């Protein structure tokens, strides 16, 4: 059984361990789960990921309780299924899906998981980012995955719902070392129905579009949407389409935060990325590491974050090493 130290990272470390354990059949014990976070141990969204992956691979689990800092997982065989999981309140649905996505590479039958919780919440990719940036990137490697988002969920009530569909997949090498020229930008602005009168979705979109156009960038799509939700909220995603890659930048609305500020945050994140050498943004780099390890390939990243380093260590523990090459044109992650 692998002995893993969960204190070196956060939820992503746990999700990667769950994915790799289910794929390899290797049991693990993780101690110090999120020990260095303000609220250590398993939170509801992490617990939901544990139970979802365990259901998919018929795993025996010990320590699956909110607040637990020690988790033991003994995976069984992966199988196709269809089930539901409630993340609880506004826990992230998209991060739950991140733990399940790699399982497609070992499935014999389709897997469908409906999750309820937060779709657009802090410290996680908004649903538009997950659907418009993350999934298109992993599909390039051969992963057959799609998400149907049926209801939005903002903080604090959550209540969103989406279904992840996975089909048996064979991965090909990820080639993300060169991004090429910027061909266009897409803006996706979303707000809850109770913000219609304040034109929040339109104001977010217009501000983002204007700031991008003022910087001499072409905006090829600008979409606004209002959604039914239990809590008021908004989100904005800017997707950058390069010749070779996609990159995404997002921001969330909250009480007292003008729509124009939300848009400006996302646009400024894009400008910072565009001025650098990376082919994927730093958050996507962390999330794609497991696919790079499984499929091989190269990926140029903006910077080597703590998340990247701890994830690399975890991948090596499961026998899936990812090397780091440093050069004047930016760090490159590579796997055979």
Protein backbone atom coordinates (compact mmCIF):
# COMPACT_ATOMS: atom_id res chain seq x y z
CA UNK A 1 0.00 0.00 0.00
CA UNK A 2 1.30 3.45 -0.90
CA UNK A 3 1.79 5.81 2.04
CA UNK A 4 1.11 9.38 0.94
CA UNK A 5 1.59 12.68 2.76
CA UNK A 6 -1.44 14.87 2.17
CA UNK A 7 -0.04 17.82 4.10
CA UNK A 8 2.09 18.91 1.14
CA UNK A 9 -0.94 19.94 -0.91
CA UNK A 10 -4.68 20.43 -0.97
CA UNK A 11 -7.69 18.93 -2.65
CA UNK A 12 -6.00 18.45 -6.03
CA UNK A 13 -3.48 16.10 -4.44
CA UNK A 14 -6.32 13.97 -3.08
CA UNK A 15 -8.22 13.97 -6.38
CA UNK A 16 -5.13 12.89 -8.31
CA UNK A 17 -4.47 10.08 -5.83
CA UNK A 18 -8.06 8.87 -6.16
CA UNK A 19 -7.84 8.86 -9.97
CA UNK A 20 -4.51 7.04 -10.11
CA UNK A 21 -5.53 4.48 -7.50
CA UNK A 22 -8.69 3.63 -9.42
CA UNK A 23 -6.74 3.31 -12.68
CA UNK A 24 -3.80 1.31 -11.34
CA UNK A 25 -5.56 -0.77 -8.69
CA UNK A 26 -2.94 0.44 -6.19
CA UNK A 27 -4.32 1.01 -2.68
CA UNK A 28 -3.13 4.04 -0.72
CA UNK A 29 -3.27 5.61 2.69
CA UNK A 30 -3.07 9.40 2.78
CA UNK A 31 -2.30 11.02 6.12
CA UNK A 32 -2.38 14.72 6.91
CA UNK A 33 -5.10 15.33 4.32
CA UNK A 34 -5.11 19.09 3.67
CA UNK A 35 -3.36 19.51 7.03
CA UNK A 36 -1.92 22.90 6.15
CA UNK A 37 -5.23 24.41 5.05
CA UNK A 38 -7.29 26.72 7.33
CA UNK A 39 -9.98 24.00 7.57
CA UNK A 40 -7.92 20.79 7.41
CA UNK A 41 -9.18 17.35 6.53
CA UNK A 42 -11.89 16.29 4.14
CA UNK A 43 -14.50 18.93 3.38
CA UNK A 44 -17.86 17.99 1.80
CA UNK A 45 -16.61 18.45 -1.77
CA UNK A 46 -13.57 16.23 -1.15
CA UNK A 47 -15.73 13.62 0.53
CA UNK A 48 -18.06 13.62 -2.48
CA UNK A 49 -15.09 12.98 -4.78
CA UNK A 50 -13.93 10.09 -2.58
CA UNK A 51 -17.35 8.49 -2.63
CA UNK A 52 -17.87 9.03 -6.36
CA UNK A 53 -14.55 7.46 -7.36
CA UNK A 54 -15.07 4.67 -4.82
CA UNK A 55 -18.48 3.94 -6.33
CA UNK A 56 -16.97 3.81 -9.82
CA UNK A 57 -14.27 1.30 -8.85
CA UNK A 58 -16.02 -0.56 -6.01
CA UNK A 59 -13.38 0.59 -3.54
CA UNK A 60 -13.22 -0.16 0.17
CA UNK A 61 -12.68 3.13 1.99
CA UNK A 62 -11.76 4.04 5.56
CA UNK A 63 -11.78 7.55 6.97
CA UNK A 64 -14.41 8.93 4.59
CA UNK A 65 -15.91 11.52 6.92
CA UNK A 66 -15.93 15.31 7.02
CA UNK A 67 -12.85 16.51 8.90
CA UNK A 68 -10.93 13.25 8.54
CA UNK A 69 -7.20 13.76 7.94
CA UNK A 70 -6.47 10.11 7.19
CA UNK A 71 -7.98 8.28 4.25
CA UNK A 72 -7.42 4.70 3.10
CA UNK A 73 -8.62 3.52 -0.31
CA UNK A 74 -8.48 -0.04 -1.62
CA UNK A 75 -9.81 0.06 -5.19
CA UNK A 76 -11.64 -2.73 -6.96
CA UNK A 77 -12.34 -3.06 -10.69
CA UNK A 78 -13.63 -0.07 -12.63
CA UNK A 79 -17.00 -0.49 -14.29
CA UNK A 80 -19.53 1.54 -16.20
CA UNK A 81 -22.44 2.84 -14.16
CA UNK A 82 -24.86 5.69 -13.72
CA UNK A 83 -25.33 7.30 -10.32
CA UNK A 84 -25.79 10.61 -8.51
CA UNK A 85 -23.78 12.34 -5.81
CA UNK A 86 -24.61 15.42 -3.74
CA UNK A 87 -21.55 17.56 -3.09
CA UNK A 88 -23.48 19.56 -0.50
CA UNK A 89 -24.19 23.31 -0.29
CA UNK A 90 -21.85 25.09 -2.72
CA UNK A 91 -19.05 22.52 -2.88
CA UNK A 92 -17.52 22.44 -6.35
CA UNK A 93 -19.08 20.17 -8.96
CA UNK A 94 -16.31 20.83 -11.48
CA UNK A 95 -13.59 19.68 -9.07
CA UNK A 96 -15.56 16.50 -8.40
CA UNK A 97 -15.61 15.88 -12.16
CA UNK A 98 -11.83 16.40 -12.28
CA UNK A 99 -11.36 13.32 -10.07
CA UNK A 100 -13.53 11.23 -12.40
CA UNK A 101 -12.27 12.34 -15.84
CA UNK A 102 -9.14 10.15 -15.98
CA UNK A 103 -11.21 7.03 -15.28
CA UNK A 104 -12.41 7.05 -18.89
CA UNK A 105 -9.04 5.62 -19.91
CA UNK A 106 -9.80 2.30 -18.17
CA UNK A 107 -13.55 1.95 -18.68
CA UNK A 108 -15.14 -0.89 -20.64
CA UNK A 109 -18.61 0.68 -20.50
CA UNK A 110 -19.84 4.29 -20.27
CA UNK A 111 -19.98 6.05 -16.90
CA UNK A 112 -22.43 8.86 -16.09
CA UNK A 113 -22.35 10.80 -12.83
CA UNK A 114 -24.88 13.49 -11.91
CA UNK A 115 -23.58 15.87 -9.25
CA UNK A 116 -25.36 18.61 -7.35
CA UNK A 117 -23.60 21.46 -5.56
CA UNK A 118 -21.77 24.59 -6.69
CA UNK A 119 -21.10 25.09 -10.39
CA UNK A 120 -19.58 28.59 -10.18
CA UNK A 121 -17.82 29.05 -6.84
CA UNK A 122 -14.50 30.27 -5.43
CA UNK A 123 -11.30 28.25 -5.69
CA UNK A 124 -12.58 26.10 -8.53
CA UNK A 125 -13.14 26.41 -12.29
CA UNK A 126 -16.57 27.81 -13.23
CA UNK A 127 -18.72 25.52 -15.32
CA UNK A 128 -18.09 27.50 -18.52
CA UNK A 129 -14.33 27.09 -17.98
CA UNK A 130 -14.73 23.36 -17.43
CA UNK A 131 -16.87 22.92 -20.54
CA UNK A 132 -15.19 25.45 -22.86
CA UNK A 133 -11.52 25.09 -21.90
CA UNK A 134 -10.74 21.96 -19.87
CA UNK A 135 -12.84 19.44 -21.80
CA UNK A 136 -11.73 20.58 -25.28
CA UNK A 137 -8.11 20.22 -24.18
CA UNK A 138 -8.49 16.67 -22.85
CA UNK A 139 -10.56 15.69 -25.88
CA UNK A 140 -7.53 16.56 -27.99
CA UNK A 141 -5.75 13.73 -26.20
CA UNK A 142 -8.58 11.32 -27.03
CA UNK A 143 -10.62 11.51 -23.83
CA UNK A 144 -14.30 11.04 -24.62
CA UNK A 145 -16.10 13.25 -22.11
CA UNK A 146 -19.01 15.69 -22.06
CA UNK A 147 -20.93 17.64 -19.44
CA UNK A 148 -24.62 18.57 -19.42
CA UNK A 149 -25.16 21.51 -17.06
CA UNK A 150 -28.83 21.62 -16.10
CA UNK A 151 -28.85 24.10 -13.20
CA UNK A 152 -26.41 26.72 -11.90
CA UNK A 153 -25.24 26.85 -8.30
CA UNK A 154 -23.63 29.89 -6.68
CA UNK A 155 -22.38 30.44 -3.12
CA UNK A 156 -23.77 29.94 -0.49
CA UNK A 157 -26.85 27.87 -1.39
CA UNK A 158 -25.36 25.82 -4.21
CA UNK A 159 -28.10 23.67 -5.66
CA UNK A 160 -26.54 23.45 -9.11
CA UNK A 161 -26.63 20.25 -11.12
CA UNK A 162 -24.60 18.78 -13.95
CA UNK A 163 -23.95 15.35 -15.43
CA UNK A 164 -20.55 14.10 -16.53
CA UNK A 165 -20.61 11.52 -19.34
CA UNK A 166 -17.52 9.36 -19.87
CA UNK A 167 -16.96 6.78 -22.59
CA UNK A 168 -14.10 4.25 -22.85
CA UNK A 169 -11.12 6.21 -24.18
CA UNK A 170 -7.58 5.68 -25.46
CA UNK A 171 -5.26 8.63 -24.94
CA UNK A 172 -2.77 10.01 -27.42
CA UNK A 173 0.21 12.20 -26.61
CA UNK A 174 -0.47 15.77 -25.45
CA UNK A 175 1.38 18.30 -27.59
CA UNK A 176 1.12 21.60 -25.74
CA UNK A 177 4.64 22.98 -25.96
CA UNK A 178 3.90 25.73 -28.51
CA UNK A 179 0.79 27.88 -28.49
CA UNK A 180 1.15 29.62 -31.86
CA UNK A 181 -0.61 32.87 -32.72
CA UNK A 182 -3.72 34.17 -31.01
CA UNK A 183 -6.63 33.60 -33.40
CA UNK A 184 -9.43 35.06 -31.26
CA UNK A 185 -11.06 35.43 -27.87
CA UNK A 186 -14.43 34.24 -26.62
CA UNK A 187 -16.36 35.74 -23.72
CA UNK A 188 -18.92 33.79 -21.69
CA UNK A 189 -20.87 35.85 -19.17
CA UNK A 190 -23.43 34.31 -16.81
CA UNK A 191 -25.62 35.72 -14.04
CA UNK A 192 -28.57 34.55 -11.97
CA UNK A 193 -32.09 35.57 -13.01
CA UNK A 194 -32.48 37.98 -10.10
CA UNK A 195 -29.70 40.12 -11.59
CA UNK A 196 -31.49 40.69 -14.91
CA UNK A 197 -32.72 44.17 -14.00
CA UNK A 198 -29.17 45.24 -13.18
CA UNK A 199 -27.93 43.98 -16.59
CA UNK A 200 -25.11 42.16 -14.83
CA UNK A 201 -24.42 39.60 -17.56
CA UNK A 202 -24.46 42.27 -20.28
CA UNK A 203 -22.22 44.63 -18.31
CA UNK A 204 -19.67 41.91 -17.61
CA UNK A 205 -19.60 40.89 -21.27
CA UNK A 206 -19.45 44.45 -22.63
CA UNK A 207 -16.61 45.45 -20.30
CA UNK A 208 -14.59 42.36 -21.18
CA UNK A 209 -15.19 42.79 -24.90
CA UNK A 210 -14.33 46.50 -24.87
CA UNK A 211 -11.12 46.02 -22.91
CA UNK A 212 -9.99 43.23 -25.21
CA UNK A 213 -10.83 45.16 -28.37
CA UNK A 214 -9.06 48.24 -26.99
CA UNK A 215 -5.95 46.06 -26.70
CA UNK A 216 -6.29 45.18 -30.42
CA UNK A 217 -7.53 41.64 -29.86
CA UNK A 218 -10.34 40.09 -31.92
CA UNK A 219 -13.37 38.90 -29.94
CA UNK A 220 -15.00 36.18 -32.03
CA UNK A 221 -17.81 35.31 -29.62
CA UNK A 222 -19.52 37.15 -26.77
CA UNK A 223 -22.31 35.23 -25.06
CA UNK A 224 -24.55 36.29 -22.16
CA UNK A 225 -26.80 33.94 -20.19
CA UNK A 226 -29.20 34.27 -17.27
CA UNK A 227 -29.88 31.19 -15.18
CA UNK A 228 -32.20 30.09 -12.41
CA UNK A 229 -30.26 29.73 -9.15
CA UNK A 230 -30.93 29.49 -5.42
CA UNK A 231 -28.38 32.22 -4.62
CA UNK A 232 -27.60 35.35 -6.64
CA UNK A 233 -24.28 35.24 -8.43
CA UNK A 234 -22.37 35.71 -11.66
CA UNK A 235 -19.29 34.47 -13.46
CA UNK A 236 -17.28 35.41 -16.51
CA UNK A 237 -14.87 33.30 -18.56
CA UNK A 238 -12.53 34.54 -21.28
CA UNK A 239 -11.23 31.81 -23.58
CA UNK A 240 -8.14 32.48 -25.66
CA UNK A 241 -7.96 30.47 -28.89
CA UNK A 242 -4.40 30.06 -30.10
CA UNK A 243 -3.34 28.10 -33.18
CA UNK A 244 -2.11 25.23 -31.01
CA UNK A 245 -3.85 25.48 -27.64
CA UNK A 246 -6.68 26.95 -25.59
CA UNK A 247 -6.39 28.92 -22.37
CA UNK A 248 -9.04 30.21 -19.99
CA UNK A 249 -9.37 33.03 -17.48
CA UNK A 250 -12.26 33.57 -15.10
CA UNK A 251 -13.68 35.73 -12.35
CA UNK A 252 -16.70 35.51 -10.06
CA UNK A 253 -19.20 38.12 -8.99
CA UNK A 254 -20.10 38.63 -5.34
CA UNK A 255 -22.14 41.03 -3.26
CA UNK A 256 -20.77 44.58 -3.58
CA UNK A 257 -18.46 43.74 -6.48
CA UNK A 258 -19.38 45.64 -9.68
CA UNK A 259 -19.87 43.65 -12.87
CA UNK A 260 -17.19 45.77 -14.49
CA UNK A 261 -14.66 44.66 -11.86
CA UNK A 262 -15.48 41.00 -12.51
CA UNK A 263 -14.76 41.45 -16.21
CA UNK A 264 -11.59 43.42 -15.59
CA UNK A 265 -10.15 40.69 -13.35
CA UNK A 266 -10.59 38.02 -16.04
CA UNK A 267 -9.21 40.24 -18.80
CA UNK A 268 -6.16 41.22 -16.76
CA UNK A 269 -5.45 37.54 -16.09
CA UNK A 270 -5.50 36.96 -19.85
CA UNK A 271 -3.15 39.89 -20.52
CA UNK A 272 -0.66 38.57 -17.94
CA UNK A 273 -0.74 35.10 -19.50
CA UNK A 274 -0.52 36.40 -23.07
CA UNK A 275 2.62 38.37 -22.23
CA UNK A 276 4.35 35.20 -20.98
CA UNK A 277 5.52 31.93 -22.55
CA UNK A 278 2.93 29.46 -21.24
CA UNK A 279 0.69 27.36 -23.45
CA UNK A 280 -1.85 26.68 -20.70
CA UNK A 281 -2.73 28.82 -17.69
CA UNK A 282 -1.27 27.80 -14.34
CA UNK A 283 -4.50 26.26 -12.99
CA UNK A 284 -5.04 24.12 -16.09
CA UNK A 285 -1.39 23.05 -15.94
CA UNK A 286 -2.01 21.50 -12.54
CA UNK A 287 -5.20 19.79 -13.67
CA UNK A 288 -3.67 18.38 -16.88
CA UNK A 289 -0.66 16.82 -15.18
CA UNK A 290 -2.35 13.47 -14.69
CA UNK A 291 -3.26 13.29 -18.40
CA UNK A 292 0.28 14.24 -19.38
CA UNK A 293 1.60 11.45 -17.16
CA UNK A 294 -0.83 8.90 -18.58
CA UNK A 295 -0.58 9.86 -22.26
CA UNK A 296 2.89 11.36 -22.56
CA UNK A 297 3.76 14.60 -24.29
CA UNK A 298 4.98 18.10 -23.46
CA UNK A 299 3.35 21.15 -21.92
CA UNK A 300 4.88 24.61 -21.46
CA UNK A 301 3.63 26.30 -18.29
CA UNK A 302 3.73 29.94 -17.10
CA UNK A 303 5.39 29.11 -13.78
CA UNK A 304 6.15 26.15 -11.54
CA UNK A 305 3.59 26.45 -8.75
CA UNK A 306 3.56 24.52 -5.48
CA UNK A 307 0.55 22.61 -6.84
CA UNK A 308 2.56 21.45 -9.84
CA UNK A 309 5.47 20.33 -7.68
CA UNK A 310 3.36 18.36 -5.19
CA UNK A 311 1.35 16.77 -8.00
CA UNK A 312 4.57 15.69 -9.72
CA UNK A 313 5.70 14.02 -6.50
CA UNK A 314 2.40 12.18 -6.21
CA UNK A 315 2.51 11.02 -9.83
CA UNK A 316 6.02 9.66 -9.27
CA UNK A 317 4.80 7.73 -6.21
CA UNK A 318 2.30 5.96 -8.48
CA UNK A 319 5.01 5.22 -11.06
CA UNK A 320 3.92 7.98 -13.47
CA UNK A 321 6.84 10.46 -13.45
CA UNK A 322 6.67 13.85 -15.16
CA UNK A 323 9.96 15.64 -15.78
CA UNK A 324 10.53 19.38 -15.51
CA UNK A 325 12.72 21.17 -18.03
CA UNK A 326 13.70 24.78 -17.38
CA UNK A 327 14.66 27.05 -20.25
CA UNK A 328 14.74 30.71 -21.22
CA UNK A 329 11.40 30.25 -23.01
CA UNK A 330 9.66 28.95 -19.90
CA UNK A 331 9.38 25.68 -17.93
CA UNK A 332 8.23 22.57 -19.79
CA UNK A 333 6.61 19.50 -18.23
CA UNK A 334 7.23 16.28 -20.16
CA UNK A 335 6.37 12.58 -19.93
CA UNK A 336 7.11 9.55 -22.09
